[in-house]
Amino acid sequence: MEAAKHFFQQAVGVVGHIPNQVTTDGHASYPRAIRETMSSNTQHRTNKYLNNLLEQDHRGMKQRYYPMHGFKTFEAAARFCCAFDELCNYLRPRRTGGEVVSLLEQRQSFIQHLATLQIMIQAAS
């Protein structure tokens, strides 16, 4: 309970204001901690699908993290996150002027970027 209260107090401090809604995974200590640290007007949502967007965003990182059995140091985690973000940005499909890019064009772009990346990695080795 104390850990949950501390977490929500810290979250309010970071955000700078009390939110209107809080979405959690439904842990038993959260409703009371939310009531005690935030206003009674704060809505607590526990639907597992509401939190899904954040989970989907981190899915690629989790798939890489678990086989490695975690990171041994903070520096290793920071280095991995930086490289992972750079790689995702490099491989993502580009849109110019709001135009729609077909799946075929996305695949061709991905294959081209991946081939270029493989050449760069081989050159660096």
Protein backbone atom coordinates (compact mmCIF):
# COMPACT_ATOMS: atom_id res chain seq x y z
CA MET A 1 0.00 0.00 0.00
CA GLU A 2 2.76 2.45 0.94
CA ALA A 3 4.64 1.68 -2.26
CA ALA A 4 1.53 2.38 -4.34
CA LYS A 5 0.92 5.68 -2.53
CA HIS A 6 4.53 6.69 -3.02
CA PHE A 7 4.34 5.81 -6.73
CA PHE A 8 1.20 7.91 -7.29
CA GLN A 9 2.63 10.85 -5.32
CA GLN A 10 5.76 10.66 -7.46
CA ALA A 11 3.67 10.45 -10.65
CA VAL A 12 1.68 13.56 -9.67
CA GLY A 13 4.96 15.35 -8.94
CA VAL A 14 6.36 14.49 -12.36
CA VAL A 15 3.19 15.41 -14.27
CA GLY A 16 2.65 18.56 -12.23
CA HIS A 17 -1.09 18.15 -11.70
CA ILE A 18 -3.63 15.60 -10.52
CA PRO A 19 -4.97 13.66 -13.52
CA ASN A 20 -8.66 13.18 -14.30
CA GLN A 21 -8.15 9.47 -15.06
CA VAL A 22 -5.66 6.81 -13.99
CA THR A 23 -5.36 3.51 -15.87
CA THR A 24 -3.82 0.58 -13.99
CA ASP A 25 -3.64 -3.18 -14.20
CA GLY A 26 -6.13 -3.57 -11.33
CA HIS A 27 -3.83 -4.35 -8.39
CA ALA A 28 -5.79 -4.44 -5.13
CA SER A 29 -3.84 -1.61 -3.45
CA TYR A 30 -4.34 0.93 -6.25
CA PRO A 31 -7.93 2.13 -5.57
CA ARG A 32 -7.17 3.14 -1.98
CA ALA A 33 -3.82 4.69 -2.92
CA ILE A 34 -5.50 6.72 -5.67
CA ARG A 35 -8.22 7.92 -3.29
CA GLU A 36 -5.66 8.98 -0.67
CA THR A 37 -3.12 10.66 -2.97
CA MET A 38 -5.40 12.21 -5.59
CA SER A 39 -8.76 13.92 -5.58
CA SER A 40 -12.00 11.99 -5.29
CA ASN A 41 -12.82 13.15 -8.83
CA THR A 42 -9.99 11.06 -10.30
CA GLN A 43 -11.44 8.15 -12.26
CA HIS A 44 -9.66 4.80 -11.81
CA ARG A 45 -9.85 2.61 -14.92
CA THR A 46 -8.78 -1.03 -14.74
CA ASN A 47 -9.78 -2.46 -18.11
CA LYS A 48 -6.79 -4.47 -19.34
CA TYR A 49 -7.29 -3.26 -22.92
CA LEU A 50 -6.97 0.42 -21.97
CA ASN A 51 -3.34 -0.11 -21.02
CA ASN A 52 -2.66 -2.09 -24.19
CA LEU A 53 -1.25 0.81 -26.27
CA LEU A 54 1.64 1.29 -23.87
CA GLU A 55 2.24 -2.45 -23.72
CA GLN A 56 2.30 -2.67 -27.52
CA ASP A 57 4.81 0.17 -27.68
CA HIS A 58 7.25 -1.75 -25.49
CA ARG A 59 6.60 -5.20 -27.00
CA GLY A 60 9.69 -5.20 -29.24
CA MET A 61 11.93 -4.22 -26.37
CA LYS A 62 10.46 -6.91 -24.10
CA GLN A 63 11.05 -9.59 -26.74
CA ARG A 64 14.73 -8.66 -26.74
CA TYR A 65 15.02 -8.11 -22.97
CA TYR A 66 13.73 -11.46 -21.67
CA PRO A 67 16.07 -13.77 -23.64
CA MET A 68 19.00 -11.68 -22.41
CA HIS A 69 17.92 -12.24 -18.77
CA GLY A 70 17.91 -8.54 -18.07
CA PHE A 71 20.61 -5.92 -18.29
CA LYS A 72 23.51 -6.13 -15.87
CA THR A 73 24.08 -2.38 -15.57
CA PHE A 74 22.17 0.82 -16.16
CA GLU A 75 24.67 1.80 -18.85
CA ALA A 76 23.97 -1.42 -20.78
CA ALA A 77 20.21 -0.76 -20.61
CA ALA A 78 20.65 2.86 -21.72
CA ARG A 79 22.91 1.81 -24.60
CA PHE A 80 20.40 -0.83 -25.74
CA CYS A 81 17.41 1.56 -25.53
CA CYS A 82 19.25 4.22 -27.52
CA ALA A 83 20.27 1.74 -30.22
CA PHE A 84 16.78 0.19 -30.28
CA ASP A 85 15.12 3.59 -30.80
CA GLU A 86 17.58 4.52 -33.55
CA LEU A 87 16.99 1.21 -35.32
CA CYS A 88 13.19 1.54 -35.09
CA ASN A 89 13.34 5.05 -36.54
CA TYR A 90 15.67 3.90 -39.32
CA LEU A 91 13.45 0.96 -40.34
CA ARG A 92 10.03 2.61 -40.02
CA PRO A 93 8.16 3.54 -43.20
CA ARG A 94 8.39 7.21 -44.17
CA ARG A 95 5.43 9.35 -45.17
CA THR A 96 5.69 12.70 -46.86
CA GLY A 97 2.85 15.18 -46.89
CA GLY A 98 0.42 12.76 -45.26
CA GLU A 99 0.37 10.44 -48.28
CA VAL A 100 -0.54 6.80 -47.75
CA VAL A 101 2.30 4.34 -48.36
CA SER A 102 1.17 0.96 -49.69
CA LEU A 103 2.23 -2.23 -47.95
CA LEU A 104 4.30 -3.23 -50.97
CA GLU A 105 6.22 0.06 -50.82
CA GLN A 106 6.66 -0.34 -47.06
CA ARG A 107 8.07 -3.85 -47.51
CA GLN A 108 10.41 -2.73 -50.30
CA SER A 109 11.63 0.19 -48.21
CA PHE A 110 12.15 -2.08 -45.20
CA ILE A 111 14.13 -4.61 -47.27
CA GLN A 112 16.28 -1.84 -48.73
CA HIS A 113 16.97 -0.29 -45.32
CA LEU A 114 17.72 -3.71 -43.83
CA ALA A 115 20.19 -4.54 -46.62
CA THR A 116 21.93 -1.20 -46.11
CA LEU A 117 22.07 -1.81 -42.36
CA GLN A 118 23.59 -5.27 -42.88
CA ILE A 119 26.28 -3.79 -45.15
CA MET A 120 27.10 -1.15 -42.52
CA ILE A 121 27.33 -3.76 -39.76
CA GLN A 122 29.62 -5.97 -41.87
CA ALA A 123 31.84 -2.99 -42.66
CA ALA A 124 32.08 -2.12 -38.97
CA SER A 125 33.04 -5.68 -37.97
